[in-house]
């Protein structure tokens, strides 16, 4: 969801206990809430939130979480910065070999790029 959403918080004895989330947004994050995939593969919550809630591509979410630039990732991979920019496009569909190379450069497993 790219538009700002105001959530309603419900307090219990002055402490936040529940948050009401729009149905559409809940359905987007539901698979992550119901499954253990992210926890099983060791994907940090910040990466999952960037990918699911902000629609940031996984490669970019990981790169930003680690704190490196596209240029630094490109150097680690032995490719150009423009090649990394293409991999980070929302509609990019990198091959398995490319994902393996990206994962190695980020210091993660290929499975951690798949949510």
N, C-alpha and C. Protein backbone atom coordinates (compact mmCIF):
# COMPACT_ATOMS: atom_id res chain seq x y z
N UNK A 1 0.84 -1.17 0.00
CA UNK A 1 0.00 0.00 0.00
C UNK A 1 0.88 1.23 0.00
N UNK A 2 0.77 2.06 -1.00
CA UNK A 2 1.66 3.21 -1.12
C UNK A 2 1.07 4.46 -0.48
N UNK A 3 -0.23 4.47 -0.17
CA UNK A 3 -0.84 5.62 0.45
C UNK A 3 -0.74 5.50 1.96
N UNK A 4 -0.72 6.67 2.62
CA UNK A 4 -0.65 6.68 4.07
C UNK A 4 -1.94 6.12 4.66
N UNK A 5 -1.81 5.28 5.66
CA UNK A 5 -2.96 4.70 6.33
C UNK A 5 -2.90 5.05 7.81
N UNK A 6 -4.00 5.56 8.34
CA UNK A 6 -4.09 5.80 9.77
C UNK A 6 -4.67 4.56 10.43
N UNK A 7 -3.94 4.00 11.36
CA UNK A 7 -4.40 2.81 12.06
C UNK A 7 -5.07 3.22 13.37
N UNK A 8 -6.05 2.45 13.76
CA UNK A 8 -6.72 2.72 15.03
C UNK A 8 -6.12 1.80 16.08
N UNK A 9 -5.67 2.39 17.17
CA UNK A 9 -5.10 1.62 18.28
C UNK A 9 -6.13 1.52 19.39
N UNK A 10 -6.27 0.33 19.93
CA UNK A 10 -7.19 0.10 21.03
C UNK A 10 -6.36 -0.19 22.28
N UNK A 11 -6.58 0.63 23.29
CA UNK A 11 -5.83 0.47 24.54
C UNK A 11 -6.59 -0.39 25.54
N UNK A 12 -5.85 -1.06 26.38
CA UNK A 12 -6.41 -1.83 27.49
C UNK A 12 -5.66 -1.39 28.73
N UNK A 13 -6.35 -0.76 29.65
CA UNK A 13 -5.76 -0.20 30.86
C UNK A 13 -4.63 0.77 30.51
N UNK A 14 -4.86 1.59 29.45
CA UNK A 14 -3.90 2.61 29.08
C UNK A 14 -2.70 2.12 28.29
N UNK A 15 -2.67 0.84 27.93
CA UNK A 15 -1.55 0.27 27.17
C UNK A 15 -2.08 -0.22 25.83
N UNK A 16 -1.41 0.12 24.74
CA UNK A 16 -1.87 -0.37 23.43
C UNK A 16 -1.97 -1.90 23.42
N UNK A 17 -3.13 -2.40 23.03
CA UNK A 17 -3.36 -3.85 23.02
C UNK A 17 -3.67 -4.39 21.63
N UNK A 18 -4.31 -3.57 20.80
CA UNK A 18 -4.70 -4.01 19.46
C UNK A 18 -4.55 -2.87 18.48
N UNK A 19 -4.38 -3.23 17.22
CA UNK A 19 -4.35 -2.24 16.14
C UNK A 19 -5.29 -2.73 15.06
N UNK A 20 -6.18 -1.85 14.61
CA UNK A 20 -7.08 -2.19 13.51
C UNK A 20 -6.37 -1.84 12.21
N UNK A 21 -6.31 -2.81 11.31
CA UNK A 21 -5.61 -2.67 10.04
C UNK A 21 -6.63 -2.84 8.91
N UNK A 22 -6.56 -2.02 7.86
CA UNK A 22 -7.49 -2.19 6.74
C UNK A 22 -7.40 -3.61 6.18
N UNK A 23 -8.53 -4.17 5.79
CA UNK A 23 -8.63 -5.55 5.32
C UNK A 23 -7.65 -5.84 4.18
N UNK A 24 -7.58 -4.93 3.21
CA UNK A 24 -6.70 -5.13 2.06
C UNK A 24 -5.23 -5.28 2.50
N UNK A 25 -4.82 -4.45 3.42
CA UNK A 25 -3.44 -4.52 3.90
C UNK A 25 -3.21 -5.79 4.73
N UNK A 26 -4.18 -6.16 5.54
CA UNK A 26 -4.07 -7.40 6.32
C UNK A 26 -3.89 -8.59 5.40
N UNK A 27 -4.67 -8.64 4.31
CA UNK A 27 -4.55 -9.76 3.37
C UNK A 27 -3.19 -9.80 2.69
N UNK A 28 -2.56 -8.64 2.51
CA UNK A 28 -1.22 -8.61 1.93
C UNK A 28 -0.18 -9.21 2.86
N UNK A 29 -0.31 -8.97 4.16
CA UNK A 29 0.71 -9.46 5.10
C UNK A 29 0.33 -10.79 5.74
N UNK A 30 -0.90 -11.23 5.54
CA UNK A 30 -1.38 -12.46 6.16
C UNK A 30 -0.47 -13.68 5.94
N UNK A 31 0.02 -13.92 4.72
CA UNK A 31 0.88 -15.09 4.54
C UNK A 31 2.12 -15.06 5.43
N UNK A 32 2.65 -13.89 5.67
CA UNK A 32 3.81 -13.79 6.55
C UNK A 32 3.44 -14.01 8.01
N UNK A 33 2.25 -13.61 8.38
CA UNK A 33 1.80 -13.80 9.75
C UNK A 33 1.48 -15.26 10.03
N UNK A 34 0.95 -15.95 9.03
CA UNK A 34 0.54 -17.33 9.21
C UNK A 34 1.68 -18.33 9.03
N UNK A 35 2.66 -17.96 8.24
CA UNK A 35 3.74 -18.89 7.93
C UNK A 35 4.99 -18.60 8.73
N UNK A 36 5.86 -19.56 8.75
CA UNK A 36 7.13 -19.41 9.44
C UNK A 36 8.28 -19.23 8.47
N UNK A 37 7.96 -18.97 7.21
CA UNK A 37 9.00 -18.89 6.18
C UNK A 37 10.07 -17.85 6.51
N UNK A 38 9.66 -16.65 6.87
CA UNK A 38 10.63 -15.60 7.15
C UNK A 38 11.49 -15.96 8.36
N UNK A 39 10.86 -16.48 9.41
CA UNK A 39 11.63 -16.86 10.60
C UNK A 39 12.54 -18.04 10.31
N UNK A 40 12.05 -19.00 9.54
CA UNK A 40 12.83 -20.20 9.25
C UNK A 40 14.06 -19.89 8.41
N UNK A 41 13.96 -18.89 7.55
CA UNK A 41 15.10 -18.56 6.70
C UNK A 41 15.95 -17.45 7.29
N UNK A 42 15.56 -16.92 8.44
CA UNK A 42 16.36 -15.89 9.09
C UNK A 42 16.30 -14.54 8.41
N UNK A 43 15.12 -14.13 7.97
CA UNK A 43 14.97 -12.83 7.33
C UNK A 43 14.57 -11.82 8.40
N UNK A 44 15.36 -10.76 8.58
CA UNK A 44 15.03 -9.76 9.61
C UNK A 44 13.68 -9.12 9.36
N UNK A 45 13.01 -8.76 10.42
CA UNK A 45 11.69 -8.13 10.34
C UNK A 45 11.73 -6.88 9.48
N UNK A 46 12.80 -6.09 9.58
CA UNK A 46 12.90 -4.86 8.80
C UNK A 46 12.90 -5.14 7.31
N UNK A 47 13.54 -6.23 6.90
CA UNK A 47 13.58 -6.60 5.48
C UNK A 47 12.19 -7.03 5.03
N UNK A 48 11.52 -7.85 5.84
CA UNK A 48 10.17 -8.32 5.50
C UNK A 48 9.22 -7.14 5.41
N UNK A 49 9.27 -6.23 6.37
CA UNK A 49 8.37 -5.07 6.35
C UNK A 49 8.62 -4.19 5.13
N UNK A 50 9.89 -3.95 4.80
CA UNK A 50 10.20 -3.14 3.62
C UNK A 50 9.63 -3.79 2.37
N UNK A 51 9.79 -5.11 2.28
CA UNK A 51 9.33 -5.82 1.09
C UNK A 51 7.80 -5.89 1.01
N UNK A 52 7.18 -6.28 2.09
CA UNK A 52 5.74 -6.51 2.07
C UNK A 52 4.93 -5.23 2.21
N UNK A 53 5.27 -4.41 3.17
CA UNK A 53 4.46 -3.22 3.43
C UNK A 53 4.80 -2.05 2.50
N UNK A 54 6.08 -1.92 2.15
CA UNK A 54 6.49 -0.79 1.31
C UNK A 54 6.77 -1.20 -0.13
N UNK A 55 6.58 -2.48 -0.43
CA UNK A 55 6.76 -3.01 -1.78
C UNK A 55 8.17 -2.77 -2.33
N UNK A 56 9.17 -2.85 -1.46
CA UNK A 56 10.57 -2.72 -1.86
C UNK A 56 11.04 -4.10 -2.32
N UNK A 57 11.66 -4.21 -3.49
CA UNK A 57 12.18 -5.51 -3.94
C UNK A 57 13.16 -6.10 -2.91
N UNK A 58 13.17 -7.41 -2.78
CA UNK A 58 13.98 -8.07 -1.76
C UNK A 58 15.46 -7.72 -1.84
N UNK A 59 16.02 -7.68 -3.03
CA UNK A 59 17.45 -7.37 -3.14
C UNK A 59 17.73 -5.99 -2.55
N UNK A 60 16.90 -5.03 -2.90
CA UNK A 60 17.08 -3.67 -2.37
C UNK A 60 16.85 -3.64 -0.86
N UNK A 61 15.81 -4.34 -0.38
CA UNK A 61 15.52 -4.37 1.05
C UNK A 61 16.71 -4.91 1.83
N UNK A 62 17.30 -5.99 1.34
CA UNK A 62 18.48 -6.57 2.00
C UNK A 62 19.66 -5.61 1.92
N UNK A 63 19.90 -5.05 0.74
CA UNK A 63 21.04 -4.16 0.57
C UNK A 63 20.95 -2.97 1.52
N UNK A 64 19.77 -2.37 1.61
CA UNK A 64 19.59 -1.24 2.50
C UNK A 64 19.68 -1.65 3.96
N UNK A 65 19.18 -2.84 4.29
CA UNK A 65 19.28 -3.34 5.66
C UNK A 65 20.74 -3.53 6.07
N UNK A 66 21.53 -4.04 5.15
CA UNK A 66 22.95 -4.26 5.42
C UNK A 66 23.70 -2.93 5.46
N UNK A 67 23.19 -1.94 4.72
CA UNK A 67 23.77 -0.61 4.76
C UNK A 67 24.84 -0.37 3.70
N UNK A 68 24.65 -0.96 2.52
CA UNK A 68 25.60 -0.72 1.44
C UNK A 68 24.88 -0.07 0.26
N UNK A 69 25.64 0.57 -0.61
CA UNK A 69 25.08 1.23 -1.78
C UNK A 69 24.99 0.23 -2.94
N UNK A 70 24.30 0.65 -3.99
CA UNK A 70 24.25 -0.18 -5.19
C UNK A 70 25.66 -0.37 -5.74
N UNK A 71 26.46 0.66 -5.67
CA UNK A 71 27.84 0.58 -6.15
C UNK A 71 28.66 -0.44 -5.38
N UNK A 72 28.49 -0.46 -4.06
CA UNK A 72 29.21 -1.43 -3.25
C UNK A 72 28.77 -2.86 -3.56
N UNK A 73 27.47 -3.06 -3.72
CA UNK A 73 26.98 -4.39 -4.08
C UNK A 73 27.50 -4.78 -5.45
N UNK A 74 27.52 -3.84 -6.37
CA UNK A 74 28.03 -4.12 -7.72
C UNK A 74 29.49 -4.56 -7.66
N UNK A 75 30.29 -3.88 -6.86
CA UNK A 75 31.70 -4.24 -6.72
C UNK A 75 31.84 -5.64 -6.16
N UNK A 76 31.06 -5.96 -5.15
CA UNK A 76 31.11 -7.30 -4.55
C UNK A 76 30.72 -8.38 -5.56
N UNK A 77 29.80 -8.04 -6.45
CA UNK A 77 29.32 -9.00 -7.44
C UNK A 77 30.17 -9.03 -8.71
N UNK A 78 30.98 -8.00 -8.91
CA UNK A 78 31.77 -7.90 -10.13
C UNK A 78 30.94 -7.48 -11.33
N UNK A 79 29.93 -6.63 -11.09
CA UNK A 79 29.07 -6.12 -12.16
C UNK A 79 29.00 -4.61 -12.03
N UNK A 80 28.29 -3.98 -12.95
CA UNK A 80 28.14 -2.52 -12.90
C UNK A 80 27.02 -2.14 -11.93
N UNK A 81 27.06 -0.88 -11.50
CA UNK A 81 25.99 -0.36 -10.65
C UNK A 81 24.67 -0.39 -11.40
N UNK A 82 24.70 -0.14 -12.70
CA UNK A 82 23.47 -0.17 -13.52
C UNK A 82 22.85 -1.57 -13.51
N UNK A 83 23.70 -2.60 -13.49
CA UNK A 83 23.19 -3.98 -13.44
C UNK A 83 22.46 -4.23 -12.12
N UNK A 84 23.01 -3.70 -11.03
CA UNK A 84 22.35 -3.85 -9.73
C UNK A 84 21.02 -3.09 -9.74
N UNK A 85 21.02 -1.90 -10.30
CA UNK A 85 19.77 -1.11 -10.38
C UNK A 85 18.70 -1.89 -11.12
N UNK A 86 19.07 -2.59 -12.19
CA UNK A 86 18.09 -3.41 -12.93
C UNK A 86 17.57 -4.55 -12.07
N UNK A 87 18.46 -5.16 -11.28
CA UNK A 87 18.04 -6.27 -10.41
C UNK A 87 17.07 -5.80 -9.33
N UNK A 88 17.16 -4.53 -8.96
CA UNK A 88 16.31 -3.99 -7.90
C UNK A 88 14.98 -3.43 -8.40
N UNK A 89 14.74 -3.50 -9.68
CA UNK A 89 13.46 -3.03 -10.20
C UNK A 89 12.35 -3.97 -9.73
N UNK A 90 11.17 -3.43 -9.45
CA UNK A 90 10.07 -4.27 -8.96
C UNK A 90 9.69 -5.42 -9.89
N UNK A 91 9.86 -5.24 -11.18
CA UNK A 91 9.47 -6.29 -12.13
C UNK A 91 10.63 -7.19 -12.55
N UNK A 92 11.80 -7.04 -11.92
CA UNK A 92 12.96 -7.86 -12.27
C UNK A 92 12.71 -9.33 -11.90
N UNK A 93 13.19 -10.21 -12.75
CA UNK A 93 13.07 -11.65 -12.52
C UNK A 93 14.44 -12.29 -12.72
N UNK A 94 15.37 -12.09 -11.76
CA UNK A 94 16.71 -12.62 -11.91
C UNK A 94 16.72 -14.15 -11.95
N UNK A 95 17.66 -14.69 -12.74
CA UNK A 95 17.83 -16.14 -12.81
C UNK A 95 18.40 -16.65 -11.49
N UNK A 96 18.28 -17.94 -11.29
CA UNK A 96 18.79 -18.56 -10.07
C UNK A 96 20.27 -18.31 -9.84
N UNK A 97 21.06 -18.40 -10.91
CA UNK A 97 22.50 -18.17 -10.79
C UNK A 97 22.79 -16.73 -10.35
N UNK A 98 21.98 -15.80 -10.85
CA UNK A 98 22.17 -14.40 -10.47
C UNK A 98 21.79 -14.19 -9.01
N UNK A 99 20.69 -14.80 -8.59
CA UNK A 99 20.28 -14.69 -7.18
C UNK A 99 21.34 -15.28 -6.25
N UNK A 100 21.95 -16.35 -6.68
CA UNK A 100 23.02 -16.97 -5.88
C UNK A 100 24.19 -16.00 -5.74
N UNK A 101 24.54 -15.32 -6.82
CA UNK A 101 25.63 -14.35 -6.82
C UNK A 101 25.29 -13.15 -5.92
N UNK A 102 24.05 -12.69 -6.00
CA UNK A 102 23.60 -11.58 -5.16
C UNK A 102 23.67 -11.99 -3.69
N UNK A 103 23.13 -13.16 -3.38
CA UNK A 103 23.13 -13.65 -2.00
C UNK A 103 24.54 -13.74 -1.45
N UNK A 104 25.44 -14.29 -2.24
CA UNK A 104 26.83 -14.42 -1.81
C UNK A 104 27.43 -13.04 -1.53
N UNK A 105 27.16 -12.07 -2.40
CA UNK A 105 27.68 -10.71 -2.21
C UNK A 105 27.09 -10.04 -0.97
N UNK A 106 25.86 -10.40 -0.62
CA UNK A 106 25.21 -9.83 0.56
C UNK A 106 25.54 -10.61 1.84
N UNK A 107 26.11 -11.78 1.68
CA UNK A 107 26.45 -12.61 2.84
C UNK A 107 25.24 -13.33 3.40
N UNK A 108 24.29 -13.67 2.53
CA UNK A 108 23.09 -14.38 2.96
C UNK A 108 22.90 -15.60 2.06
N UNK A 109 21.90 -16.41 2.37
CA UNK A 109 21.60 -17.56 1.51
C UNK A 109 20.61 -17.15 0.43
N UNK A 110 20.61 -17.84 -0.71
CA UNK A 110 19.62 -17.54 -1.76
C UNK A 110 18.18 -17.64 -1.24
N UNK A 111 17.92 -18.55 -0.31
CA UNK A 111 16.57 -18.70 0.24
C UNK A 111 16.10 -17.44 0.94
N UNK A 112 17.03 -16.66 1.47
CA UNK A 112 16.68 -15.44 2.18
C UNK A 112 16.26 -14.31 1.22
N UNK A 113 16.39 -14.53 -0.07
CA UNK A 113 15.92 -13.54 -1.04
C UNK A 113 14.53 -13.87 -1.54
N UNK A 114 13.95 -14.96 -1.04
CA UNK A 114 12.65 -15.43 -1.52
C UNK A 114 11.63 -15.38 -0.40
N UNK A 115 10.75 -14.39 -0.46
CA UNK A 115 9.66 -14.31 0.53
C UNK A 115 8.35 -14.45 -0.20
